[in-house]
């Protein structure tokens, strides 16, 4: 995949979201309530987030890496007491050259699919527990690993009616199921704490750094970012759209890993 696949996909999926908006059942929620709903990883809400992460000073040539994560979220009601929340992360990756003799590589990375079991009628503390699978869908050796992966995933958060705060943490760990394909064995973890403060009219402050760990790395195993940004709920007709802009600095990182990340997110929401 070459050229500018992130822009093409974003435009196409944005058009699809606008088409679907006429059929979406739109609950009369305030902008602040919609913002809180968007901040709940296991909320009972169909949504399609487009999260673009630009990583600066990657590799020995200090190149720029870009990852567009398309992340459809689909809740499935299995009873009056329980939901299954599915989240698929489809990464479109643009990887910089790592030596003067190589070129930038564009294509699809490894897709991750997570399913959380979560109470349908939670209190102010909300949780979800399930499994995450990694699919070897990478279109180039530089963009992923050709071995399937599986592991646990868990999220817990605090969301209380009348309070402007939404905070919690999401964690997972993925082990490769074999080491026979390109890339070999892997054992990777993720910790994402999140903290949001919501104002009226759907404006909010946010911090959601994604810390990752490669347990099999010989040197520095962790990448730990610090930072935050702002978000705002808009409407395209009756379709709510959650937008977000944030920046993070990696205070702990392996050699040749990015030092800065700029994150831009647009999330199309379909409330019930």
C-alpha atoms as a PDB file:
ATOM      1  CA  UNK A   1       0.000   0.000   0.000  1.00  0.00           C
ATOM      2  CA  UNK A   2       1.562   3.253  -1.129  1.00  0.00           C
ATOM      3  CA  UNK A   3       0.649   6.920  -1.456  1.00  0.00           C
ATOM      4  CA  UNK A   4      -1.604   8.339   1.260  1.00  0.00           C
ATOM      5  CA  UNK A   5      -3.808   5.459   2.501  1.00  0.00           C
ATOM      6  CA  UNK A   6      -4.763   7.146   5.835  1.00  0.00           C
ATOM      7  CA  UNK A   7      -6.387  10.137   4.121  1.00  0.00           C
ATOM      8  CA  UNK A   8      -8.202   7.938   1.596  1.00  0.00           C
ATOM      9  CA  UNK A   9      -9.587   5.600   4.241  1.00  0.00           C
ATOM     10  CA  UNK A  10     -10.571   8.453   6.543  1.00  0.00           C
ATOM     11  CA  UNK A  11     -12.515  10.175   3.776  1.00  0.00           C
ATOM     12  CA  UNK A  12     -14.260   6.967   2.721  1.00  0.00           C
ATOM     13  CA  UNK A  13     -15.227   5.934   6.235  1.00  0.00           C
ATOM     14  CA  UNK A  14     -16.295   9.468   7.096  1.00  0.00           C
ATOM     15  CA  UNK A  15     -18.665   9.394   4.136  1.00  0.00           C
ATOM     16  CA  UNK A  16     -19.998   6.034   5.298  1.00  0.00           C
ATOM     17  CA  UNK A  17     -20.597   7.413   8.780  1.00  0.00           C
ATOM     18  CA  UNK A  18     -22.562  10.336   7.337  1.00  0.00           C
ATOM     19  CA  UNK A  19     -24.657   7.897   5.327  1.00  0.00           C
ATOM     20  CA  UNK A  20     -25.389   5.846   8.430  1.00  0.00           C
ATOM     21  CA  UNK A  21     -26.273   8.885  10.519  1.00  0.00           C
ATOM     22  CA  UNK A  22     -29.750   9.087   9.075  1.00  0.00           C
ATOM     23  CA  UNK A  23     -30.487   5.561  10.305  1.00  0.00           C
ATOM     24  CA  UNK A  24     -28.865   5.961  13.712  1.00  0.00           C
ATOM     25  CA  UNK A  25     -31.201   6.099  16.666  1.00  0.00           C
ATOM     26  CA  UNK A  26     -30.098   9.267  18.400  1.00  0.00           C
ATOM     27  CA  UNK A  27     -30.829   9.532  22.092  1.00  0.00           C
ATOM     28  CA  UNK A  28     -31.312  13.056  23.367  1.00  0.00           C
ATOM     29  CA  UNK A  29     -28.075  13.250  25.320  1.00  0.00           C
ATOM     30  CA  UNK A  30     -26.312  16.469  26.243  1.00  0.00           C
ATOM     31  CA  UNK A  31     -22.878  17.175  24.786  1.00  0.00           C
ATOM     32  CA  UNK A  32     -21.310  16.552  28.198  1.00  0.00           C
ATOM     33  CA  UNK A  33     -23.102  13.191  28.516  1.00  0.00           C
ATOM     34  CA  UNK A  34     -21.954  12.239  25.006  1.00  0.00           C
ATOM     35  CA  UNK A  35     -18.358  13.138  25.923  1.00  0.00           C
ATOM     36  CA  UNK A  36     -18.518  10.904  29.007  1.00  0.00           C
ATOM     37  CA  UNK A  37     -20.021   8.089  26.947  1.00  0.00           C
ATOM     38  CA  UNK A  38     -17.157   8.393  24.441  1.00  0.00           C
ATOM     39  CA  UNK A  39     -14.641   8.200  27.310  1.00  0.00           C
ATOM     40  CA  UNK A  40     -15.996   4.834  28.498  1.00  0.00           C
ATOM     41  CA  UNK A  41     -14.132   1.984  26.711  1.00  0.00           C
ATOM     42  CA  UNK A  42     -16.978  -0.449  27.530  1.00  0.00           C
ATOM     43  CA  UNK A  43     -19.882   1.957  27.007  1.00  0.00           C
ATOM     44  CA  UNK A  44     -23.025   0.578  25.342  1.00  0.00           C
ATOM     45  CA  UNK A  45     -22.366   2.592  22.210  1.00  0.00           C
ATOM     46  CA  UNK A  46     -21.610   1.793  18.583  1.00  0.00           C
ATOM     47  CA  UNK A  47     -18.772   4.062  17.480  1.00  0.00           C
ATOM     48  CA  UNK A  48     -16.049   4.300  14.845  1.00  0.00           C
ATOM     49  CA  UNK A  49     -12.944   6.133  16.107  1.00  0.00           C
ATOM     50  CA  UNK A  50     -10.125   7.131  13.779  1.00  0.00           C
ATOM     51  CA  UNK A  51      -7.038   7.665  15.932  1.00  0.00           C
ATOM     52  CA  UNK A  52      -3.978   9.014  14.126  1.00  0.00           C
ATOM     53  CA  UNK A  53      -0.659   8.784  15.983  1.00  0.00           C
ATOM     54  CA  UNK A  54       2.365  10.590  14.539  1.00  0.00           C
ATOM     55  CA  UNK A  55       5.624   9.527  16.208  1.00  0.00           C
ATOM     56  CA  UNK A  56       8.667  11.771  15.806  1.00  0.00           C
ATOM     57  CA  UNK A  57      12.393  10.870  15.728  1.00  0.00           C
ATOM     58  CA  UNK A  58      11.951   7.150  15.135  1.00  0.00           C
ATOM     59  CA  UNK A  59      14.909   4.933  14.274  1.00  0.00           C
ATOM     60  CA  UNK A  60      18.585   5.687  13.608  1.00  0.00           C
ATOM     61  CA  UNK A  61      17.673   8.292  10.957  1.00  0.00           C
ATOM     62  CA  UNK A  62      15.182  10.081  13.272  1.00  0.00           C
ATOM     63  CA  UNK A  63      12.310   9.598  10.841  1.00  0.00           C
ATOM     64  CA  UNK A  64       8.583  10.144  11.314  1.00  0.00           C
ATOM     65  CA  UNK A  65       6.252   7.188  11.766  1.00  0.00           C
ATOM     66  CA  UNK A  66       2.493   7.483  11.262  1.00  0.00           C
ATOM     67  CA  UNK A  67      -0.131   5.010  12.490  1.00  0.00           C
ATOM     68  CA  UNK A  68      -3.821   5.484  11.721  1.00  0.00           C
ATOM     69  CA  UNK A  69      -5.847   3.168  13.963  1.00  0.00           C
ATOM     70  CA  UNK A  70      -9.384   2.517  12.741  1.00  0.00           C
ATOM     71  CA  UNK A  71     -11.179   1.215  15.846  1.00  0.00           C
ATOM     72  CA  UNK A  72     -14.826   0.173  15.384  1.00  0.00           C
ATOM     73  CA  UNK A  73     -16.573  -0.573  18.694  1.00  0.00           C
ATOM     74  CA  UNK A  74     -19.696  -2.754  18.651  1.00  0.00           C
ATOM     75  CA  UNK A  75     -21.612  -3.688  21.833  1.00  0.00           C
ATOM     76  CA  UNK A  76     -23.609  -6.937  21.866  1.00  0.00           C
ATOM     77  CA  UNK A  77     -26.362  -7.428  24.442  1.00  0.00           C
ATOM     78  CA  UNK A  78     -26.435 -11.035  25.647  1.00  0.00           C
ATOM     79  CA  UNK A  79     -28.926 -10.532  28.507  1.00  0.00           C
ATOM     80  CA  UNK A  80     -30.507  -7.801  30.609  1.00  0.00           C
ATOM     81  CA  UNK A  81     -27.461  -8.008  32.895  1.00  0.00           C
ATOM     82  CA  UNK A  82     -24.497  -8.450  30.552  1.00  0.00           C
ATOM     83  CA  UNK A  83     -22.995  -6.962  27.405  1.00  0.00           C
ATOM     84  CA  UNK A  84     -20.071  -8.025  25.270  1.00  0.00           C
ATOM     85  CA  UNK A  85     -18.152  -5.009  23.963  1.00  0.00           C
ATOM     86  CA  UNK A  86     -16.027  -5.737  20.895  1.00  0.00           C
ATOM     87  CA  UNK A  87     -13.215  -3.446  19.779  1.00  0.00           C
ATOM     88  CA  UNK A  88     -11.149  -3.991  16.638  1.00  0.00           C
ATOM     89  CA  UNK A  89      -7.965  -2.005  15.997  1.00  0.00           C
ATOM     90  CA  UNK A  90      -6.959  -1.857  12.329  1.00  0.00           C
ATOM     91  CA  UNK A  91      -3.574  -0.074  11.969  1.00  0.00           C
ATOM     92  CA  UNK A  92      -2.585   1.636   8.725  1.00  0.00           C
ATOM     93  CA  UNK A  93       1.151   2.208   9.131  1.00  0.00           C
ATOM     94  CA  UNK A  94       3.713   4.420   7.409  1.00  0.00           C
ATOM     95  CA  UNK A  95       7.164   3.337   8.614  1.00  0.00           C
ATOM     96  CA  UNK A  96      10.254   5.501   7.968  1.00  0.00           C
ATOM     97  CA  UNK A  97      13.447   4.132   6.452  1.00  0.00           C
ATOM     98  CA  UNK A  98      15.926   2.737   8.983  1.00  0.00           C
ATOM     99  CA  UNK A  99      19.003   3.066   6.761  1.00  0.00           C
ATOM    100  CA  UNK A 100      20.021   5.206   3.768  1.00  0.00           C
ATOM    101  CA  UNK A 101      19.671   2.177   1.479  1.00  0.00           C
ATOM    102  CA  UNK A 102      16.006   1.464   2.393  1.00  0.00           C
ATOM    103  CA  UNK A 103      12.734   3.269   1.708  1.00  0.00           C
ATOM    104  CA  UNK A 104       9.624   4.181   3.674  1.00  0.00           C
ATOM    105  CA  UNK A 105       7.133   1.306   3.957  1.00  0.00           C
ATOM    106  CA  UNK A 106       3.348   1.837   3.922  1.00  0.00           C
ATOM    107  CA  UNK A 107       0.716  -0.791   4.588  1.00  0.00           C
ATOM    108  CA  UNK A 108      -1.462  -2.682   7.032  1.00  0.00           C
ATOM    109  CA  UNK A 109      -0.132  -3.708  10.444  1.00  0.00           C
ATOM    110  CA  UNK A 110      -1.354  -6.494  12.739  1.00  0.00           C
ATOM    111  CA  UNK A 111      -5.056  -6.237  13.604  1.00  0.00           C
ATOM    112  CA  UNK A 112      -6.052  -6.632  17.255  1.00  0.00           C
ATOM    113  CA  UNK A 113      -9.520  -7.774  18.344  1.00  0.00           C
ATOM    114  CA  UNK A 114     -10.745  -7.453  21.932  1.00  0.00           C
ATOM    115  CA  UNK A 115     -14.005  -8.678  23.487  1.00  0.00           C
ATOM    116  CA  UNK A 116     -14.963  -7.476  26.986  1.00  0.00           C
ATOM    117  CA  UNK A 117     -17.700  -8.949  29.167  1.00  0.00           C
ATOM    118  CA  UNK A 118     -19.215  -6.020  31.083  1.00  0.00           C
ATOM    119  CA  UNK A 119     -22.303  -5.451  33.288  1.00  0.00           C
ATOM    120  CA  UNK A 120     -25.210  -3.899  31.373  1.00  0.00           C
ATOM    121  CA  UNK A 121     -26.373  -1.872  34.392  1.00  0.00           C
ATOM    122  CA  UNK A 122     -23.193  -0.802  36.223  1.00  0.00           C
ATOM    123  CA  UNK A 123     -22.888   1.643  39.072  1.00  0.00           C
ATOM    124  CA  UNK A 124     -20.370   4.454  39.225  1.00  0.00           C
ATOM    125  CA  UNK A 125     -17.551   1.887  38.983  1.00  0.00           C
ATOM    126  CA  UNK A 126     -17.571   0.115  35.607  1.00  0.00           C
ATOM    127  CA  UNK A 127     -15.463  -2.830  34.558  1.00  0.00           C
ATOM    128  CA  UNK A 128     -14.879  -5.138  31.627  1.00  0.00           C
ATOM    129  CA  UNK A 129     -12.852  -8.340  31.365  1.00  0.00           C
ATOM    130  CA  UNK A 130     -12.037 -10.438  28.348  1.00  0.00           C
ATOM    131  CA  UNK A 131      -9.460 -11.481  25.815  1.00  0.00           C
ATOM    132  CA  UNK A 132      -7.420  -9.805  23.088  1.00  0.00           C
ATOM    133  CA  UNK A 133      -6.233 -11.548  19.923  1.00  0.00           C
ATOM    134  CA  UNK A 134      -3.543 -10.364  17.503  1.00  0.00           C
ATOM    135  CA  UNK A 135      -3.972 -11.336  13.847  1.00  0.00           C
ATOM    136  CA  UNK A 136      -0.917 -11.575  11.532  1.00  0.00           C
ATOM    137  CA  UNK A 137      -2.344  -9.259   8.872  1.00  0.00           C
ATOM    138  CA  UNK A 138       0.788  -7.180   8.231  1.00  0.00           C
ATOM    139  CA  UNK A 139       1.460  -6.540   4.543  1.00  0.00           C
ATOM    140  CA  UNK A 140       5.227  -6.108   5.043  1.00  0.00           C
ATOM    141  CA  UNK A 141       7.787  -7.652   7.391  1.00  0.00           C
ATOM    142  CA  UNK A 142       8.529  -4.192   8.825  1.00  0.00           C
ATOM    143  CA  UNK A 143       4.902  -3.648   9.873  1.00  0.00           C
ATOM    144  CA  UNK A 144       4.186  -6.575  12.187  1.00  0.00           C
ATOM    145  CA  UNK A 145       4.704 -10.202  13.138  1.00  0.00           C
ATOM    146  CA  UNK A 146       3.498 -13.279  11.236  1.00  0.00           C
ATOM    147  CA  UNK A 147       2.514 -15.152  14.401  1.00  0.00           C
ATOM    148  CA  UNK A 148      -0.920 -15.145  15.990  1.00  0.00           C
ATOM    149  CA  UNK A 149      -1.193 -13.823  19.551  1.00  0.00           C
ATOM    150  CA  UNK A 150      -3.619 -14.098  22.457  1.00  0.00           C
ATOM    151  CA  UNK A 151      -3.924 -12.754  25.991  1.00  0.00           C
ATOM    152  CA  UNK A 152      -6.144 -11.215  28.676  1.00  0.00           C
ATOM    153  CA  UNK A 153      -7.532  -7.671  28.717  1.00  0.00           C
ATOM    154  CA  UNK A 154      -9.156  -5.735  31.555  1.00  0.00           C
ATOM    155  CA  UNK A 155     -10.578  -2.243  32.058  1.00  0.00           C
ATOM    156  CA  UNK A 156     -11.968  -0.455  35.094  1.00  0.00           C
ATOM    157  CA  UNK A 157     -13.202   3.136  35.316  1.00  0.00           C
ATOM    158  CA  UNK A 158     -15.126   5.579  37.480  1.00  0.00           C
ATOM    159  CA  UNK A 159     -18.012   7.438  35.844  1.00  0.00           C
ATOM    160  CA  UNK A 160     -20.576   9.088  38.113  1.00  0.00           C
ATOM    161  CA  UNK A 161     -23.631  11.108  37.129  1.00  0.00           C
ATOM    162  CA  UNK A 162     -23.138  14.743  38.130  1.00  0.00           C
ATOM    163  CA  UNK A 163     -19.342  14.465  38.376  1.00  0.00           C
ATOM    164  CA  UNK A 164     -17.140  16.009  35.650  1.00  0.00           C
ATOM    165  CA  UNK A 165     -14.422  13.356  36.147  1.00  0.00           C
ATOM    166  CA  UNK A 166     -14.008  10.131  34.170  1.00  0.00           C
ATOM    167  CA  UNK A 167     -10.916   8.089  35.008  1.00  0.00           C
ATOM    168  CA  UNK A 168      -9.659   4.537  34.874  1.00  0.00           C
ATOM    169  CA  UNK A 169      -7.125   2.183  33.342  1.00  0.00           C
ATOM    170  CA  UNK A 170      -7.015  -0.407  30.557  1.00  0.00           C
ATOM    171  CA  UNK A 171      -4.423  -3.203  30.569  1.00  0.00           C
ATOM    172  CA  UNK A 172      -3.637  -6.174  28.366  1.00  0.00           C
ATOM    173  CA  UNK A 173      -0.837  -8.575  27.518  1.00  0.00           C
ATOM    174  CA  UNK A 174      -0.402 -10.584  24.329  1.00  0.00           C
ATOM    175  CA  UNK A 175       1.730 -13.705  23.921  1.00  0.00           C
ATOM    176  CA  UNK A 176       2.530 -15.193  20.512  1.00  0.00           C
ATOM    177  CA  UNK A 177       0.959 -18.614  19.970  1.00  0.00           C
ATOM    178  CA  UNK A 178       3.992 -19.821  18.002  1.00  0.00           C
ATOM    179  CA  UNK A 179       7.410 -18.634  16.941  1.00  0.00           C
ATOM    180  CA  UNK A 180       7.601 -20.313  13.555  1.00  0.00           C
ATOM    181  CA  UNK A 181       6.675 -17.321  11.383  1.00  0.00           C
ATOM    182  CA  UNK A 182       8.468 -14.068  10.559  1.00  0.00           C
ATOM    183  CA  UNK A 183       9.189 -12.085  13.724  1.00  0.00           C
ATOM    184  CA  UNK A 184       9.473 -15.009  16.136  1.00  0.00           C
ATOM    185  CA  UNK A 185       8.004 -15.149  19.630  1.00  0.00           C
ATOM    186  CA  UNK A 186       6.654 -12.003  21.306  1.00  0.00           C
ATOM    187  CA  UNK A 187       5.329 -11.052  24.731  1.00  0.00           C
ATOM    188  CA  UNK A 188       3.974  -7.505  24.783  1.00  0.00           C
ATOM    189  CA  UNK A 189       2.013  -5.604  27.417  1.00  0.00           C
ATOM    190  CA  UNK A 190       0.005  -2.380  27.401  1.00  0.00           C
ATOM    191  CA  UNK A 191      -1.137  -0.083  30.213  1.00  0.00           C
ATOM    192  CA  UNK A 192      -3.349   2.909  29.385  1.00  0.00           C
ATOM    193  CA  UNK A 193      -4.477   5.064  32.302  1.00  0.00           C
ATOM    194  CA  UNK A 194      -6.984   7.753  31.328  1.00  0.00           C
ATOM    195  CA  UNK A 195      -8.172  10.899  33.070  1.00  0.00           C
ATOM    196  CA  UNK A 196     -10.812  13.273  31.699  1.00  0.00           C
ATOM    197  CA  UNK A 197     -12.369  16.462  33.092  1.00  0.00           C
ATOM    198  CA  UNK A 198     -15.597  17.464  31.352  1.00  0.00           C
ATOM    199  CA  UNK A 199     -17.000  20.968  30.965  1.00  0.00           C
ATOM    200  CA  UNK A 200     -20.501  21.905  29.716  1.00  0.00           C
ATOM    201  CA  UNK A 201     -21.133  21.940  25.939  1.00  0.00           C
ATOM    202  CA  UNK A 202     -18.975  18.853  25.413  1.00  0.00           C
ATOM    203  CA  UNK A 203     -15.515  20.390  25.880  1.00  0.00           C
ATOM    204  CA  UNK A 204     -13.049  18.384  27.993  1.00  0.00           C
ATOM    205  CA  UNK A 205      -9.431  17.989  29.063  1.00  0.00           C
ATOM    206  CA  UNK A 206      -7.892  14.557  28.615  1.00  0.00           C
ATOM    207  CA  UNK A 207      -4.800  12.491  29.321  1.00  0.00           C
ATOM    208  CA  UNK A 208      -4.599   8.917  28.030  1.00  0.00           C
ATOM    209  CA  UNK A 209      -0.941   7.904  27.609  1.00  0.00           C
ATOM    210  CA  UNK A 210      -0.323   4.430  26.192  1.00  0.00           C
ATOM    211  CA  UNK A 211       2.573   2.747  28.018  1.00  0.00           C
ATOM    212  CA  UNK A 212       3.892  -0.398  26.341  1.00  0.00           C
ATOM    213  CA  UNK A 213       6.381  -3.066  27.366  1.00  0.00           C
ATOM    214  CA  UNK A 214       8.307  -5.633  25.341  1.00  0.00           C
ATOM    215  CA  UNK A 215       9.102  -8.266  27.965  1.00  0.00           C
ATOM    216  CA  UNK A 216      11.579 -10.018  25.645  1.00  0.00           C
ATOM    217  CA  UNK A 217      13.667  -6.955  24.765  1.00  0.00           C
ATOM    218  CA  UNK A 218      17.345  -7.110  25.683  1.00  0.00           C
ATOM    219  CA  UNK A 219      17.637  -3.439  26.632  1.00  0.00           C
ATOM    220  CA  UNK A 220      14.992  -0.961  27.802  1.00  0.00           C
ATOM    221  CA  UNK A 221      11.667  -2.792  27.825  1.00  0.00           C
ATOM    222  CA  UNK A 222       9.231   0.064  28.552  1.00  0.00           C
ATOM    223  CA  UNK A 223       7.939   3.042  26.605  1.00  0.00           C
ATOM    224  CA  UNK A 224       6.253   5.446  29.046  1.00  0.00           C
ATOM    225  CA  UNK A 225       4.675   8.678  27.734  1.00  0.00           C
ATOM    226  CA  UNK A 226       3.384  11.689  29.670  1.00  0.00           C
ATOM    227  CA  UNK A 227       1.099  14.377  28.277  1.00  0.00           C
ATOM    228  CA  UNK A 228      -2.473  15.247  27.447  1.00  0.00           C
ATOM    229  CA  UNK A 229      -4.749  17.416  25.372  1.00  0.00           C
ATOM    230  CA  UNK A 230      -8.246  18.673  24.682  1.00  0.00           C
ATOM    231  CA  UNK A 231     -11.448  17.267  23.217  1.00  0.00           C
ATOM    232  CA  UNK A 232     -14.817  18.517  21.998  1.00  0.00           C
ATOM    233  CA  UNK A 233     -18.137  17.015  20.919  1.00  0.00           C
ATOM    234  CA  UNK A 234     -19.499  18.340  17.620  1.00  0.00           C
ATOM    235  CA  UNK A 235     -22.500  17.338  15.520  1.00  0.00           C
ATOM    236  CA  UNK A 236     -22.778  16.565  11.809  1.00  0.00           C
ATOM    237  CA  UNK A 237     -26.519  16.966  11.524  1.00  0.00           C
ATOM    238  CA  UNK A 238     -27.745  14.676  14.297  1.00  0.00           C
ATOM    239  CA  UNK A 239     -24.584  12.563  14.270  1.00  0.00           C
ATOM    240  CA  UNK A 240     -22.356  13.208  17.332  1.00  0.00           C
ATOM    241  CA  UNK A 241     -18.632  13.384  16.593  1.00  0.00           C
ATOM    242  CA  UNK A 242     -15.993  13.278  19.327  1.00  0.00           C
ATOM    243  CA  UNK A 243     -12.791  15.106  18.353  1.00  0.00           C
ATOM    244  CA  UNK A 244      -9.519  15.133  20.257  1.00  0.00           C
ATOM    245  CA  UNK A 245      -6.008  16.566  20.005  1.00  0.00           C
ATOM    246  CA  UNK A 246      -3.185  15.612  22.397  1.00  0.00           C
ATOM    247  CA  UNK A 247       0.594  15.324  22.609  1.00  0.00           C
ATOM    248  CA  UNK A 248       2.846  12.999  24.629  1.00  0.00           C
ATOM    249  CA  UNK A 249       6.548  12.870  25.465  1.00  0.00           C
ATOM    250  CA  UNK A 250       8.192   9.494  26.103  1.00  0.00           C
ATOM    251  CA  UNK A 251      10.012   9.953  29.414  1.00  0.00           C
ATOM    252  CA  UNK A 252      11.157   6.310  29.245  1.00  0.00           C
ATOM    253  CA  UNK A 253      11.897   4.693  25.887  1.00  0.00           C
ATOM    254  CA  UNK A 254      14.166   2.182  24.156  1.00  0.00           C
ATOM    255  CA  UNK A 255      16.961   3.347  21.879  1.00  0.00           C
ATOM    256  CA  UNK A 256      15.684   4.601  18.494  1.00  0.00           C
ATOM    257  CA  UNK A 257      12.081   4.811  19.760  1.00  0.00           C
ATOM    258  CA  UNK A 258      10.081   8.003  19.224  1.00  0.00           C
ATOM    259  CA  UNK A 259      10.493  10.811  21.727  1.00  0.00           C
ATOM    260  CA  UNK A 260       7.277  12.731  20.876  1.00  0.00           C
ATOM    261  CA  UNK A 261       3.827  11.676  19.749  1.00  0.00           C
ATOM    262  CA  UNK A 262       1.018  13.810  18.320  1.00  0.00           C
ATOM    263  CA  UNK A 263      -2.433  12.179  18.511  1.00  0.00           C
ATOM    264  CA  UNK A 264      -5.497  13.332  16.576  1.00  0.00           C
ATOM    265  CA  UNK A 265      -8.782  11.472  16.941  1.00  0.00           C
ATOM    266  CA  UNK A 266     -12.178  11.717  15.257  1.00  0.00           C
ATOM    267  CA  UNK A 267     -14.874   9.382  16.607  1.00  0.00           C
ATOM    268  CA  UNK A 268     -18.264   8.929  14.940  1.00  0.00           C
ATOM    269  CA  UNK A 269     -20.840   7.984  17.575  1.00  0.00           C
ATOM    270  CA  UNK A 270     -24.165   6.148  17.198  1.00  0.00           C
ATOM    271  CA  UNK A 271     -25.960   6.377  20.583  1.00  0.00           C
ATOM    272  CA  UNK A 272     -28.886   4.040  21.195  1.00  0.00           C
END
